Protein backbone atom coordinates (compact mmCIF):
# COMPACT_ATOMS: atom_id res chain seq x y z
CA UNK A 1 -24.69 -41.80 -89.79
CA UNK A 2 -28.47 -42.16 -89.54
CA UNK A 3 -30.58 -39.96 -87.25
CA UNK A 4 -34.29 -39.61 -86.68
CA UNK A 5 -35.42 -36.06 -87.40
CA UNK A 6 -38.17 -34.08 -85.69
CA UNK A 7 -40.77 -33.68 -88.48
CA UNK A 8 -42.14 -30.37 -87.24
CA UNK A 9 -38.66 -28.85 -87.05
CA UNK A 10 -37.73 -30.20 -90.48
CA UNK A 11 -40.90 -28.93 -92.13
CA UNK A 12 -40.61 -25.53 -90.45
CA UNK A 13 -36.95 -25.20 -91.46
CA UNK A 14 -37.76 -25.78 -95.13
CA UNK A 15 -41.16 -24.04 -95.09
CA UNK A 16 -43.22 -27.07 -96.16
CA UNK A 17 -46.17 -28.97 -94.78
CA UNK A 18 -45.33 -32.55 -95.76
CA UNK A 19 -42.59 -34.87 -96.98
CA UNK A 20 -43.79 -34.71 -100.58
CA UNK A 21 -43.18 -30.93 -100.71
CA UNK A 22 -39.79 -31.23 -99.07
CA UNK A 23 -37.86 -32.42 -102.13
CA UNK A 24 -39.11 -29.51 -104.24
CA UNK A 25 -38.22 -27.02 -101.51
CA UNK A 26 -34.69 -28.43 -101.20
CA UNK A 27 -34.25 -28.39 -104.99
CA UNK A 28 -35.29 -24.72 -105.17
CA UNK A 29 -32.84 -23.71 -102.45
CA UNK A 30 -29.15 -22.88 -102.82
CA UNK A 31 -27.25 -26.17 -102.34
CA UNK A 32 -24.97 -24.78 -99.64
CA UNK A 33 -27.94 -23.47 -97.65
CA UNK A 34 -29.84 -26.78 -97.91
CA UNK A 35 -26.75 -28.71 -96.81
CA UNK A 36 -26.25 -26.29 -93.91
CA UNK A 37 -29.83 -26.84 -92.69
CA UNK A 38 -29.55 -30.62 -93.04
CA UNK A 39 -26.22 -30.71 -91.20
CA UNK A 40 -27.70 -28.57 -88.44
CA UNK A 41 -30.70 -30.89 -88.05
CA UNK A 42 -28.38 -33.87 -87.95
CA UNK A 43 -26.28 -32.41 -85.13
CA UNK A 44 -29.12 -32.49 -82.57
CA UNK A 45 -29.81 -36.20 -82.78
CA UNK A 46 -28.19 -39.51 -81.94
CA UNK A 47 -27.60 -42.47 -84.22
CA UNK A 48 -30.72 -44.54 -84.85
CA UNK A 49 -31.63 -47.75 -86.58
CA UNK A 50 -33.89 -47.88 -89.63
CA UNK A 51 -34.90 -51.12 -91.26
CA UNK A 52 -34.59 -50.32 -94.98
CA UNK A 53 -37.63 -52.48 -95.78
CA UNK A 54 -39.79 -50.03 -93.80
CA UNK A 55 -38.98 -47.10 -96.10
CA UNK A 56 -42.00 -45.67 -97.89
CA UNK A 57 -40.29 -42.75 -99.69
CA UNK A 58 -36.81 -41.28 -99.91
CA UNK A 59 -34.76 -38.71 -101.76
CA UNK A 60 -31.11 -37.73 -101.82
CA UNK A 61 -29.42 -34.37 -101.85
CA UNK A 62 -25.64 -34.28 -102.06
CA UNK A 63 -24.24 -36.23 -99.12
CA UNK A 64 -27.67 -36.50 -97.47
CA UNK A 65 -30.60 -38.88 -97.88
CA UNK A 66 -33.99 -38.36 -96.25
CA UNK A 67 -36.23 -41.36 -95.59
CA UNK A 68 -39.91 -41.49 -94.69
CA UNK A 69 -40.97 -44.80 -93.15
CA UNK A 70 -44.43 -46.33 -92.97
CA UNK A 71 -44.84 -44.99 -89.40
CA UNK A 72 -44.42 -41.43 -90.77
CA UNK A 73 -41.04 -41.06 -89.05
CA UNK A 74 -38.31 -39.21 -90.95
CA UNK A 75 -34.66 -40.20 -90.90
CA UNK A 76 -31.64 -38.35 -92.21
CA UNK A 77 -28.62 -40.31 -93.37
CA UNK A 78 -25.34 -38.64 -94.14
CA UNK A 79 -22.39 -40.09 -95.99
CA UNK A 80 -19.96 -37.62 -94.43
CA UNK A 81 -17.12 -39.22 -92.50
CA UNK A 82 -16.26 -37.73 -89.14
CA UNK A 83 -12.69 -37.27 -90.38
CA UNK A 84 -13.89 -34.95 -93.15
CA UNK A 85 -15.59 -32.58 -90.74
CA UNK A 86 -12.70 -32.08 -88.32
CA UNK A 87 -10.52 -29.01 -88.37
CA UNK A 88 -7.15 -29.02 -90.05
CA UNK A 89 -5.58 -27.08 -87.19
């Protein structure tokens, strides 16, 4: 699933000012906390389309990949299947 993320909300959540600082902030954070924040940001948005040739920068963290395109928009892609996130009960 690919969603466009609100930059201001993303940067505030991770306490950074730009995309370049984001990877270091995520790397310095507990993995479960970073994944929680990314999953939470992903839940507010709908599926979007991103042409992969428009990607300026990207980095991956676990099941998540963040993309910065040339228009300065940020997208979050997750490899999680919907079946994996459903309850067992």
